[in-house]
Amino acid sequence: INWSGGMTYYTDSVKGRFTISRDNAKNTVYLQMNSLKP
């Protein structure tokens, strides 16, 4: 993710399952991972 602009990119294997996001006020980036696989 671009820190300021918010443009996101994903590898094909995680599209639809993972979401990257940011909270600039907290200086923190997150990766929400759903439907996890081995």
Full PDB file with SEQRES, HELIX, SHEET, SSBOND, CRYST1, ORIGX, SCALE, CONECT and MASTER records, all heavy atoms in Angstrom:
SEQRES   1 A   38  ILE ASN TRP SER GLY GLY MET THR TYR TYR THR ASP SER          
SEQRES   2 A   38  VAL LYS GLY ARG PHE THR ILE SER ARG ASP ASN ALA LYS          
SEQRES   3 A   38  ASN THR VAL TYR LEU GLN MET ASN SER LEU LYS PRO              
HELIX    1 AA1 ASP A   12  VAL A   14  5                                   3    
HELIX    2 AA2 ASN A   24  LYS A   26  5                                   3    
SHEET    1 AA1 2 PHE A  18  ASP A  23  0                                        
SHEET    2 AA1 2 THR A  28  MET A  33 -1                                        
CRYST1    1.000    1.000    1.000  90.00  90.00  90.00 P 1           1          
ORIGX1      1.000000  0.000000  0.000000        0.00000                         
ORIGX2      0.000000  1.000000  0.000000        0.00000                         
ORIGX3      0.000000  0.000000  1.000000        0.00000                         
SCALE1      1.000000  0.000000  0.000000        0.00000                         
SCALE2      0.000000  1.000000  0.000000        0.00000                         
SCALE3      0.000000  0.000000  1.000000        0.00000                         
ATOM      1  N   ILE A   1       0.846  -1.178   0.000  1.00  0.00           N  
ATOM      2  CA  ILE A   1       0.000   0.000   0.000  1.00  0.00           C  
ATOM      3  C   ILE A   1       0.884   1.231   0.000  1.00  0.00           C  
ATOM      4  O   ILE A   1       1.931   1.260   0.646  1.00  0.00           O  
ATOM      5  CB  ILE A   1      -0.969  -0.001   1.211  1.00  0.00           C  
ATOM      6  CG1 ILE A   1      -1.980   1.141   1.113  1.00  0.00           C  
ATOM      7  CG2 ILE A   1      -0.199   0.056   2.526  1.00  0.00           C  
ATOM      8  CD1 ILE A   1      -3.108   1.036   2.131  1.00  0.00           C  
ATOM      9  N   ASN A   2       0.454   2.247  -0.725  1.00  0.00           N  
ATOM     10  CA  ASN A   2       1.137   3.528  -0.667  1.00  0.00           C  
ATOM     11  C   ASN A   2       0.741   4.222   0.620  1.00  0.00           C  
ATOM     12  O   ASN A   2      -0.448   4.363   0.919  1.00  0.00           O  
ATOM     13  CB  ASN A   2       0.758   4.380  -1.885  1.00  0.00           C  
ATOM     14  CG  ASN A   2       1.472   5.705  -1.916  1.00  0.00           C  
ATOM     15  OD1 ASN A   2       1.105   6.649  -1.231  1.00  0.00           O  
ATOM     16  ND2 ASN A   2       2.522   5.781  -2.727  1.00  0.00           N  
ATOM     17  N   TRP A   3       1.726   4.646   1.400  1.00  0.00           N  
ATOM     18  CA  TRP A   3       1.469   5.203   2.717  1.00  0.00           C  
ATOM     19  C   TRP A   3       0.510   6.384   2.676  1.00  0.00           C  
ATOM     20  O   TRP A   3      -0.403   6.479   3.496  1.00  0.00           O  
ATOM     21  CB  TRP A   3       2.786   5.619   3.375  1.00  0.00           C  
ATOM     22  CG  TRP A   3       2.622   6.097   4.770  1.00  0.00           C  
ATOM     23  CD1 TRP A   3       2.544   7.392   5.193  1.00  0.00           C  
ATOM     24  CD2 TRP A   3       2.511   5.287   5.947  1.00  0.00           C  
ATOM     25  NE1 TRP A   3       2.393   7.442   6.555  1.00  0.00           N  
ATOM     26  CE2 TRP A   3       2.373   6.166   7.043  1.00  0.00           C  
ATOM     27  CE3 TRP A   3       2.519   3.902   6.175  1.00  0.00           C  
ATOM     28  CZ2 TRP A   3       2.238   5.707   8.349  1.00  0.00           C  
ATOM     29  CZ3 TRP A   3       2.383   3.444   7.475  1.00  0.00           C  
ATOM     30  CH2 TRP A   3       2.248   4.339   8.537  1.00  0.00           C  
ATOM     31  N   SER A   4       0.701   7.273   1.728  1.00  0.00           N  
ATOM     32  CA  SER A   4      -0.121   8.474   1.656  1.00  0.00           C  
ATOM     33  C   SER A   4      -1.328   8.320   0.739  1.00  0.00           C  
ATOM     34  O   SER A   4      -2.434   8.757   1.078  1.00  0.00           O  
ATOM     35  CB  SER A   4       0.723   9.661   1.192  1.00  0.00           C  
ATOM     36  OG  SER A   4       1.725   9.967   2.133  1.00  0.00           O  
ATOM     37  N   GLY A   5      -1.123   7.712  -0.425  1.00  0.00           N  
ATOM     38  CA  GLY A   5      -2.182   7.661  -1.415  1.00  0.00           C  
ATOM     39  C   GLY A   5      -3.177   6.526  -1.256  1.00  0.00           C  
ATOM     40  O   GLY A   5      -4.316   6.639  -1.718  1.00  0.00           O  
ATOM     41  N   GLY A   6      -2.762   5.418  -0.635  1.00  0.00           N  
ATOM     42  CA  GLY A   6      -3.671   4.323  -0.383  1.00  0.00           C  
ATOM     43  C   GLY A   6      -3.841   3.323  -1.507  1.00  0.00           C  
ATOM     44  O   GLY A   6      -4.664   2.407  -1.389  1.00  0.00           O  
ATOM     45  N   MET A   7      -3.105   3.452  -2.600  1.00  0.00           N  
ATOM     46  CA  MET A   7      -3.163   2.460  -3.667  1.00  0.00           C  
ATOM     47  C   MET A   7      -2.683   1.121  -3.133  1.00  0.00           C  
ATOM     48  O   MET A   7      -1.664   1.055  -2.439  1.00  0.00           O  
ATOM     49  CB  MET A   7      -2.303   2.899  -4.844  1.00  0.00           C  
ATOM     50  CG  MET A   7      -2.403   2.001  -6.057  1.00  0.00           C  
ATOM     51  SD  MET A   7      -3.933   2.253  -6.983  1.00  0.00           S  
ATOM     52  CE  MET A   7      -3.594   3.858  -7.714  1.00  0.00           C  
ATOM     53  N   THR A   8      -3.413   0.053  -3.447  1.00  0.00           N  
ATOM     54  CA  THR A   8      -3.092  -1.265  -2.922  1.00  0.00           C  
ATOM     55  C   THR A   8      -2.775  -2.253  -4.031  1.00  0.00           C  
ATOM     56  O   THR A   8      -3.259  -2.129  -5.159  1.00  0.00           O  
ATOM     57  CB  THR A   8      -4.231  -1.825  -2.064  1.00  0.00           C  
ATOM     58  OG1 THR A   8      -5.425  -1.919  -2.851  1.00  0.00           O  
ATOM     59  CG2 THR A   8      -4.496  -0.926  -0.865  1.00  0.00           C  
ATOM     60  N   TYR A   9      -1.982  -3.263  -3.685  1.00  0.00           N  
ATOM     61  CA  TYR A   9      -1.569  -4.311  -4.606  1.00  0.00           C  
ATOM     62  C   TYR A   9      -1.547  -5.629  -3.850  1.00  0.00           C  
ATOM     63  O   TYR A   9      -1.212  -5.670  -2.667  1.00  0.00           O  
ATOM     64  CB  TYR A   9      -0.179  -4.024  -5.177  1.00  0.00           C  
ATOM     65  CG  TYR A   9      -0.028  -2.656  -5.786  1.00  0.00           C  
ATOM     66  CD1 TYR A   9       0.359  -1.570  -5.006  1.00  0.00           C  
ATOM     67  CD2 TYR A   9      -0.270  -2.444  -7.136  1.00  0.00           C  
ATOM     68  CE1 TYR A   9       0.496  -0.308  -5.549  1.00  0.00           C  
ATOM     69  CE2 TYR A   9      -0.132  -1.183  -7.692  1.00  0.00           C  
ATOM     70  CZ  TYR A   9       0.252  -0.121  -6.900  1.00  0.00           C  
ATOM     71  OH  TYR A   9       0.393   1.128  -7.447  1.00  0.00           O  
ATOM     72  N   TYR A  10      -1.888  -6.713  -4.543  1.00  0.00           N  
ATOM     73  CA  TYR A  10      -1.916  -8.033  -3.925  1.00  0.00           C  
ATOM     74  C   TYR A  10      -1.367  -9.078  -4.881  1.00  0.00           C  
ATOM     75  O   TYR A  10      -1.545  -8.980  -6.100  1.00  0.00           O  
ATOM     76  CB  TYR A  10      -3.340  -8.447  -3.559  1.00  0.00           C  
ATOM     77  CG  TYR A  10      -4.025  -7.536  -2.577  1.00  0.00           C  
ATOM     78  CD1 TYR A  10      -4.821  -6.485  -3.013  1.00  0.00           C  
ATOM     79  CD2 TYR A  10      -3.887  -7.739  -1.205  1.00  0.00           C  
ATOM     80  CE1 TYR A  10      -5.454  -5.644  -2.109  1.00  0.00           C  
ATOM     81  CE2 TYR A  10      -4.522  -6.907  -0.297  1.00  0.00           C  
ATOM     82  CZ  TYR A  10      -5.304  -5.861  -0.756  1.00  0.00           C  
ATOM     83  OH  TYR A  10      -5.935  -5.036   0.149  1.00  0.00           O  
ATOM     84  N   THR A  11      -0.730 -10.076  -4.316  1.00  0.00           N  
ATOM     85  CA  THR A  11      -0.386 -11.232  -5.115  1.00  0.00           C  
ATOM     86  C   THR A  11      -1.653 -12.041  -5.365  1.00  0.00           C  
ATOM     87  O   THR A  11      -2.594 -12.017  -4.567  1.00  0.00           O  
ATOM     88  CB  THR A  11       0.691 -12.087  -4.412  1.00  0.00           C  
ATOM     89  OG1 THR A  11       1.199 -13.064  -5.318  1.00  0.00           O  
ATOM     90  CG2 THR A  11       0.124 -12.785  -3.189  1.00  0.00           C  
ATOM     91  N   ASP A  12      -1.697 -12.741  -6.489  1.00  0.00           N  
ATOM     92  CA  ASP A  12      -2.931 -13.401  -6.909  1.00  0.00           C  
ATOM     93  C   ASP A  12      -3.460 -14.397  -5.879  1.00  0.00           C  
ATOM     94  O   ASP A  12      -4.674 -14.549  -5.714  1.00  0.00           O  
ATOM     95  CB  ASP A  12      -2.716 -14.117  -8.243  1.00  0.00           C  
ATOM     96  CG  ASP A  12      -2.622 -13.173  -9.414  1.00  0.00           C  
ATOM     97  OD1 ASP A  12      -3.022 -11.998  -9.275  1.00  0.00           O  
ATOM     98  OD2 ASP A  12      -2.152 -13.603 -10.486  1.00  0.00           O  
ATOM     99  N   SER A  13      -2.585 -15.071  -5.179  1.00  0.00           N  
ATOM    100  CA  SER A  13      -3.005 -16.133  -4.278  1.00  0.00           C  
ATOM    101  C   SER A  13      -3.771 -15.639  -3.053  1.00  0.00           C  
ATOM    102  O   SER A  13      -4.423 -16.433  -2.378  1.00  0.00           O  
ATOM    103  CB  SER A  13      -1.798 -16.959  -3.825  1.00  0.00           C  
ATOM    104  OG  SER A  13      -0.897 -16.178  -3.060  1.00  0.00           O  
ATOM    105  N   VAL A  14      -3.710 -14.341  -2.758  1.00  0.00           N  
ATOM    106  CA  VAL A  14      -4.402 -13.814  -1.581  1.00  0.00           C  
ATOM    107  C   VAL A  14      -5.535 -12.866  -1.929  1.00  0.00           C  
ATOM    108  O   VAL A  14      -6.252 -12.417  -1.026  1.00  0.00           O  
ATOM    109  CB  VAL A  14      -3.432 -13.128  -0.602  1.00  0.00           C  
ATOM    110  CG1 VAL A  14      -2.271 -14.048  -0.266  1.00  0.00           C  
ATOM    111  CG2 VAL A  14      -2.934 -11.794  -1.162  1.00  0.00           C  
ATOM    112  N   LYS A  15      -5.723 -12.562  -3.192  1.00  0.00           N  
ATOM    113  CA  LYS A  15      -6.792 -11.653  -3.590  1.00  0.00           C  
ATOM    114  C   LYS A  15      -8.148 -12.205  -3.160  1.00  0.00           C  
ATOM    115  O   LYS A  15      -8.449 -13.376  -3.348  1.00  0.00           O  
ATOM    116  CB  LYS A  15      -6.772 -11.428  -5.099  1.00  0.00           C  
ATOM    117  CG  LYS A  15      -5.626 -10.564  -5.578  1.00  0.00           C  
ATOM    118  CD  LYS A  15      -5.671 -10.365  -7.084  1.00  0.00           C  
ATOM    119  CE  LYS A  15      -4.540  -9.475  -7.558  1.00  0.00           C  
ATOM    120  NZ  LYS A  15      -4.531  -9.313  -9.024  1.00  0.00           N  
ATOM    121  N   GLY A  16      -8.952 -11.338  -2.580  1.00  0.00           N  
ATOM    122  CA  GLY A  16     -10.253 -11.736  -2.082  1.00  0.00           C  
ATOM    123  C   GLY A  16     -10.237 -12.272  -0.672  1.00  0.00           C  
ATOM    124  O   GLY A  16     -11.303 -12.440  -0.068  1.00  0.00           O  
ATOM    125  N   ARG A  17      -9.055 -12.561  -0.135  1.00  0.00           N  
ATOM    126  CA  ARG A  17      -8.937 -13.077   1.223  1.00  0.00           C  
ATOM    127  C   ARG A  17      -8.206 -12.112   2.157  1.00  0.00           C  
ATOM    128  O   ARG A  17      -8.550 -12.016   3.333  1.00  0.00           O  
ATOM    129  CB  ARG A  17      -8.204 -14.418   1.228  1.00  0.00           C  
ATOM    130  CG  ARG A  17      -8.903 -15.505   0.428  1.00  0.00           C  
ATOM    131  CD  ARG A  17      -8.256 -16.864   0.655  1.00  0.00           C  
ATOM    132  NE  ARG A  17      -6.862 -16.894   0.199  1.00  0.00           N  
ATOM    133  CZ  ARG A  17      -5.822 -17.165   0.980  1.00  0.00           C  
ATOM    134  NH1 ARG A  17      -6.002 -17.443   2.265  1.00  0.00           N  
ATOM    135  NH2 ARG A  17      -4.596 -17.183   0.466  1.00  0.00           N  
ATOM    136  N   PHE A  18      -7.194 -11.435   1.643  1.00  0.00           N  
ATOM    137  CA  PHE A  18      -6.390 -10.523   2.452  1.00  0.00           C  
ATOM    138  C   PHE A  18      -6.706  -9.084   2.080  1.00  0.00           C  
ATOM    139  O   PHE A  18      -6.984  -8.770   0.918  1.00  0.00           O  
ATOM    140  CB  PHE A  18      -4.896 -10.753   2.223  1.00  0.00           C  
ATOM    141  CG  PHE A  18      -4.352 -12.054   2.749  1.00  0.00           C  
ATOM    142  CD1 PHE A  18      -5.190 -13.054   3.216  1.00  0.00           C  
ATOM    143  CD2 PHE A  18      -2.985 -12.264   2.774  1.00  0.00           C  
ATOM    144  CE1 PHE A  18      -4.682 -14.249   3.697  1.00  0.00           C  
ATOM    145  CE2 PHE A  18      -2.462 -13.455   3.254  1.00  0.00           C  
ATOM    146  CZ  PHE A  18      -3.308 -14.447   3.714  1.00  0.00           C  
ATOM    147  N   THR A  19      -6.621  -8.194   3.058  1.00  0.00           N  
ATOM    148  CA  THR A  19      -6.818  -6.779   2.829  1.00  0.00           C  
ATOM    149  C   THR A  19      -5.739  -5.992   3.560  1.00  0.00           C  
ATOM    150  O   THR A  19      -5.567  -6.148   4.773  1.00  0.00           O  
ATOM    151  CB  THR A  19      -8.195  -6.306   3.315  1.00  0.00           C  
ATOM    152  OG1 THR A  19      -9.225  -7.059   2.661  1.00  0.00           O  
ATOM    153  CG2 THR A  19      -8.392  -4.825   2.997  1.00  0.00           C  
ATOM    154  N   ILE A  20      -5.025  -5.156   2.834  1.00  0.00           N  
ATOM    155  CA  ILE A  20      -4.038  -4.279   3.448  1.00  0.00           C  
ATOM    156  C   ILE A  20      -4.663  -2.911   3.645  1.00  0.00           C  
ATOM    157  O   ILE A  20      -5.419  -2.430   2.793  1.00  0.00           O  
ATOM    158  CB  ILE A  20      -2.748  -4.207   2.601  1.00  0.00           C  
ATOM    159  CG1 ILE A  20      -1.648  -3.440   3.351  1.00  0.00           C  
ATOM    160  CG2 ILE A  20      -3.012  -3.594   1.238  1.00  0.00           C  
ATOM    161  CD1 ILE A  20      -0.279  -3.532   2.684  1.00  0.00           C  
ATOM    162  N   SER A  21      -4.369  -2.291   4.764  1.00  0.00           N  
ATOM    163  CA  SER A  21      -4.912  -0.971   5.061  1.00  0.00           C  
ATOM    164  C   SER A  21      -3.920  -0.198   5.911  1.00  0.00           C  
ATOM    165  O   SER A  21      -2.921  -0.746   6.382  1.00  0.00           O  
ATOM    166  CB  SER A  21      -6.271  -1.076   5.767  1.00  0.00           C  
ATOM    167  OG  SER A  21      -6.150  -1.746   7.008  1.00  0.00           O  
ATOM    168  N   ARG A  22      -4.215   1.061   6.107  1.00  0.00           N  
ATOM    169  CA  ARG A  22      -3.319   1.912   6.875  1.00  0.00           C  
ATOM    170  C   ARG A  22      -4.105   2.844   7.783  1.00  0.00           C  
ATOM    171  O   ARG A  22      -5.265   3.169   7.523  1.00  0.00           O  
ATOM    172  CB  ARG A  22      -2.447   2.746   5.933  1.00  0.00           C  
ATOM    173  CG  ARG A  22      -3.265   3.577   4.949  1.00  0.00           C  
ATOM    174  CD  ARG A  22      -2.401   4.512   4.125  1.00  0.00           C  
ATOM    175  NE  ARG A  22      -3.141   5.070   2.995  1.00  0.00           N  
ATOM    176  CZ  ARG A  22      -3.986   6.080   3.077  1.00  0.00           C  
ATOM    177  NH1 ARG A  22      -4.220   6.657   4.250  1.00  0.00           N  
ATOM    178  NH2 ARG A  22      -4.609   6.523   1.996  1.00  0.00           N  
ATOM    179  N   ASP A  23      -3.457   3.267   8.841  1.00  0.00           N  
ATOM    180  CA  ASP A  23      -3.975   4.294   9.735  1.00  0.00           C  
ATOM    181  C   ASP A  23      -2.839   5.277   9.927  1.00  0.00           C  
ATOM    182  O   ASP A  23      -1.957   5.068  10.758  1.00  0.00           O  
ATOM    183  CB  ASP A  23      -4.437   3.701  11.064  1.00  0.00           C  
ATOM    184  CG  ASP A  23      -5.121   4.719  11.961  1.00  0.00           C  
ATOM    185  OD1 ASP A  23      -4.885   5.927  11.798  1.00  0.00           O  
ATOM    186  OD2 ASP A  23      -5.897   4.296  12.836  1.00  0.00           O  
ATOM    187  N   ASN A  24      -2.856   6.337   9.150  1.00  0.00           N  
ATOM    188  CA  ASN A  24      -1.747   7.279   9.181  1.00  0.00           C  
ATOM    189  C   ASN A  24      -1.599   7.960  10.542  1.00  0.00           C  
ATOM    190  O   ASN A  24      -0.478   8.257  10.969  1.00  0.00           O  
ATOM    191  CB  ASN A  24      -1.928   8.337   8.091  1.00  0.00           C  
ATOM    192  CG  ASN A  24      -1.683   7.791   6.703  1.00  0.00           C  
ATOM    193  OD1 ASN A  24      -1.260   6.650   6.535  1.00  0.00           O  
ATOM    194  ND2 ASN A  24      -1.946   8.601   5.691  1.00  0.00           N  
ATOM    195  N   ALA A  25      -2.714   8.203  11.220  1.00  0.00           N  
ATOM    196  CA  ALA A  25      -2.656   8.843  12.526  1.00  0.00           C  
ATOM    197  C   ALA A  25      -1.920   7.985  13.543  1.00  0.00           C  
ATOM    198  O   ALA A  25      -1.293   8.510  14.471  1.00  0.00           O  
ATOM    199  CB  ALA A  25      -4.060   9.166  13.022  1.00  0.00           C  
ATOM    200  N   LYS A  26      -2.001   6.666  13.396  1.00  0.00           N  
ATOM    201  CA  LYS A  26      -1.336   5.741  14.304  1.00  0.00           C  
ATOM    202  C   LYS A  26      -0.022   5.211  13.754  1.00  0.00           C  
ATOM    203  O   LYS A  26       0.631   4.397  14.404  1.00  0.00           O  
ATOM    204  CB  LYS A  26      -2.254   4.571  14.632  1.00  0.00           C  
ATOM    205  CG  LYS A  26      -3.513   4.963  15.384  1.00  0.00           C  
ATOM    206  CD  LYS A  26      -4.359   3.741  15.715  1.00  0.00           C  
ATOM    207  CE  LYS A  26      -5.591   4.123  16.496  1.00  0.00           C  
ATOM    208  NZ  LYS A  26      -6.424   2.933  16.825  1.00  0.00           N  
ATOM    209  N   ASN A  27       0.341   5.659  12.560  1.00  0.00           N  
ATOM    210  CA  ASN A  27       1.569   5.195  11.913  1.00  0.00           C  
ATOM    211  C   ASN A  27       1.616   3.669  11.843  1.00  0.00           C  
ATOM    212  O   ASN A  27       2.645   3.049  12.134  1.00  0.00           O  
ATOM    213  CB  ASN A  27       2.797   5.732  12.640  1.00  0.00           C  
ATOM    214  CG  ASN A  27       2.868   7.236  12.628  1.00  0.00           C  
ATOM    215  OD1 ASN A  27       2.700   7.872  11.589  1.00  0.00           O  
ATOM    216  ND2 ASN A  27       3.122   7.826  13.791  1.00  0.00           N  
ATOM    217  N   THR A  28       0.511   3.089  11.441  1.00  0.00           N  
ATOM    218  CA  THR A  28       0.372   1.641  11.458  1.00  0.00           C  
ATOM    219  C   THR A  28      -0.248   1.143  10.162  1.00  0.00           C  
ATOM    220  O   THR A  28      -1.172   1.763   9.632  1.00  0.00           O  
ATOM    221  CB  THR A  28      -0.482   1.187  12.651  1.00  0.00           C  
ATOM    222  OG1 THR A  28       0.130   1.626  13.869  1.00  0.00           O  
ATOM    223  CG2 THR A  28      -0.612  -0.325  12.685  1.00  0.00           C  
ATOM    224  N   VAL A  29       0.270   0.029   9.674  1.00  0.00           N  
ATOM    225  CA  VAL A  29      -0.275  -0.666   8.519  1.00  0.00           C  
ATOM    226  C   VAL A  29      -0.779  -2.025   8.982  1.00  0.00           C  
ATOM    227  O   VAL A  29      -0.156  -2.671   9.834  1.00  0.00           O  
ATOM    228  CB  VAL A  29       0.783  -0.817   7.415  1.00  0.00           C  
ATOM    229  CG1 VAL A  29       0.250  -1.649   6.262  1.00  0.00           C  
ATOM    230  CG2 VAL A  29       1.212   0.549   6.912  1.00  0.00           C  
ATOM    231  N   TYR A  30      -1.888  -2.466   8.414  1.00  0.00           N  
ATOM    232  CA  TYR A  30      -2.516  -3.712   8.819  1.00  0.00           C  
ATOM    233  C   TYR A  30      -2.629  -4.670   7.644  1.00  0.00           C  
ATOM    234  O   TYR A  30      -2.698  -4.255   6.481  1.00  0.00           O  
ATOM    235  CB  TYR A  30      -3.922  -3.469   9.366  1.00  0.00           C  
ATOM    236  CG  TYR A  30      -3.972  -2.488  10.509  1.00  0.00           C  
ATOM    237  CD1 TYR A  30      -4.246  -1.143  10.283  1.00  0.00           C  
ATOM    238  CD2 TYR A  30      -3.734  -2.900  11.813  1.00  0.00           C  
ATOM    239  CE1 TYR A  30      -4.290  -0.235  11.330  1.00  0.00           C  
ATOM    240  CE2 TYR A  30      -3.774  -2.003  12.867  1.00  0.00           C  
ATOM    241  CZ  TYR A  30      -4.055  -0.673  12.616  1.00  0.00           C  
ATOM    242  OH  TYR A  30      -4.094   0.217  13.660  1.00  0.00           O  
ATOM    243  N   LEU A  31      -2.658  -5.939   7.965  1.00  0.00           N  
ATOM    244  CA  LEU A  31      -2.981  -6.961   6.986  1.00  0.00           C  
ATOM    245  C   LEU A  31      -4.052  -7.855   7.591  1.00  0.00           C  
ATOM    246  O   LEU A  31      -3.761  -8.655   8.485  1.00  0.00           O  
ATOM    247  CB  LEU A  31      -1.753  -7.783   6.594  1.00  0.00           C  
ATOM    248  CG  LEU A  31      -1.979  -8.804   5.481  1.00  0.00           C  
ATOM    249  CD1 LEU A  31      -2.260  -8.098   4.153  1.00  0.00           C  
ATOM    250  CD2 LEU A  31      -0.781  -9.734   5.347  1.00  0.00           C  
ATOM    251  N   GLN A  32      -5.277  -7.687   7.128  1.00  0.00           N  
ATOM    252  CA  GLN A  32      -6.374  -8.538   7.558  1.00  0.00           C  
ATOM    253  C   GLN A  32      -6.379  -9.786   6.693  1.00  0.00           C  
ATOM    254  O   GLN A  32      -6.474  -9.696   5.468  1.00  0.00           O  
ATOM    255  CB  GLN A  32      -7.709  -7.807   7.427  1.00  0.00           C  
ATOM    256  CG  GLN A  32      -8.919  -8.641   7.817  1.00  0.00           C  
ATOM    257  CD  GLN A  32      -8.945  -8.977   9.284  1.00  0.00           C  
ATOM    258  OE1 GLN A  32      -8.719  -8.112  10.129  1.00  0.00           O  
ATOM    259  NE2 GLN A  32      -9.209 -10.236   9.608  1.00  0.00           N  
ATOM    260  N   MET A  33      -6.275 -10.937   7.322  1.00  0.00           N  
ATOM    261  CA  MET A  33      -6.185 -12.204   6.614  1.00  0.00           C  
ATOM    262  C   MET A  33      -7.389 -13.058   6.985  1.00  0.00           C  
ATOM    263  O   MET A  33      -7.548 -13.443   8.145  1.00  0.00           O  
ATOM    264  CB  MET A  33      -4.884 -12.931   6.950  1.00  0.00           C  
ATOM    265  CG  MET A  33      -3.638 -12.102   6.692  1.00  0.00           C  
ATOM    266  SD  MET A  33      -2.105 -13.038   6.944  1.00  0.00           S  
ATOM    267  CE  MET A  33      -2.216 -13.329   8.718  1.00  0.00           C  
ATOM    268  N   ASN A  34      -8.221 -13.342   6.012  1.00  0.00           N  
ATOM    269  CA  ASN A  34      -9.404 -14.171   6.202  1.00  0.00           C  
ATOM    270  C   ASN A  34      -9.283 -15.446   5.382  1.00  0.00           C  
ATOM    271  O   ASN A  34      -8.478 -15.539   4.462  1.00  0.00           O  
ATOM    272  CB  ASN A  34     -10.663 -13.412   5.785  1.00  0.00           C  
ATOM    273  CG  ASN A  34     -10.902 -12.167   6.593  1.00  0.00           C  
ATOM    274  OD1 ASN A  34     -10.597 -12.112   7.790  1.00  0.00           O  
ATOM    275  ND2 ASN A  34     -11.472 -11.144   5.955  1.00  0.00           N  
ATOM    276  N   SER A  35     -10.114 -16.413   5.715  1.00  0.00           N  
ATOM    277  CA  SER A  35     -10.137 -17.692   4.995  1.00  0.00           C  
ATOM    278  C   SER A  35      -8.738 -18.266   4.849  1.00  0.00           C  
ATOM    279  O   SER A  35      -8.322 -18.692   3.770  1.00  0.00           O  
ATOM    280  CB  SER A  35     -10.797 -17.507   3.624  1.00  0.00           C  
ATOM    281  OG  SER A  35     -12.114 -17.017   3.748  1.00  0.00           O  
ATOM    282  N   LEU A  36      -8.020 -18.311   5.941  1.00  0.00           N  
ATOM    283  CA  LEU A  36      -6.632 -18.746   5.902  1.00  0.00           C  
ATOM    284  C   LEU A  36      -6.512 -20.214   5.515  1.00  0.00           C  
ATOM    285  O   LEU A  36      -7.351 -21.039   5.875  1.00  0.00           O  
ATOM    286  CB  LEU A  36      -5.967 -18.499   7.248  1.00  0.00           C  
ATOM    287  CG  LEU A  36      -5.586 -17.037   7.498  1.00  0.00           C  
ATOM    288  CD1 LEU A  36      -5.344 -16.786   8.980  1.00  0.00           C  
ATOM    289  CD2 LEU A  36      -4.343 -16.671   6.691  1.00  0.00           C  
ATOM    290  N   LYS A  37      -5.449 -20.501   4.785  1.00  0.00           N  
ATOM    291  CA  LYS A  37      -5.155 -21.838   4.303  1.00  0.00           C  
ATOM    292  C   LYS A  37      -3.810 -22.295   4.846  1.00  0.00           C  
ATOM    293  O   LYS A  37      -2.953 -21.469   5.154  1.00  0.00           O  
ATOM    294  CB  LYS A  37      -5.114 -21.852   2.772  1.00  0.00           C  
ATOM    295  CG  LYS A  37      -6.366 -21.330   2.102  1.00  0.00           C  
ATOM    296  CD  LYS A  37      -6.175 -21.262   0.593  1.00  0.00           C  
ATOM    297  CE  LYS A  37      -7.410 -20.717  -0.091  1.00  0.00           C  
ATOM    298  NZ  LYS A  37      -7.217 -20.626  -1.563  1.00  0.00           N  
ATOM    299  N   PRO A  38      -3.591 -23.603   4.953  1.00  0.00           N  
ATOM    300  CA  PRO A  38      -2.290 -24.079   5.423  1.00  0.00           C  
ATOM    301  C   PRO A  38      -1.118 -23.528   4.622  1.00  0.00           C  
ATOM    302  O   PRO A  38      -0.045 -23.288   5.190  1.00  0.00           O  
ATOM    303  CB  PRO A  38      -2.402 -25.597   5.286  1.00  0.00           C  
ATOM    304  CG  PRO A  38      -3.856 -25.868   5.471  1.00  0.00           C  
ATOM    305  CD  PRO A  38      -4.553 -24.709   4.803  1.00  0.00           C  
TER     306      PRO A  38                                                      
MASTER        0    0    0    2    2    0    0    6  305    1    0    3          
END                                                                             
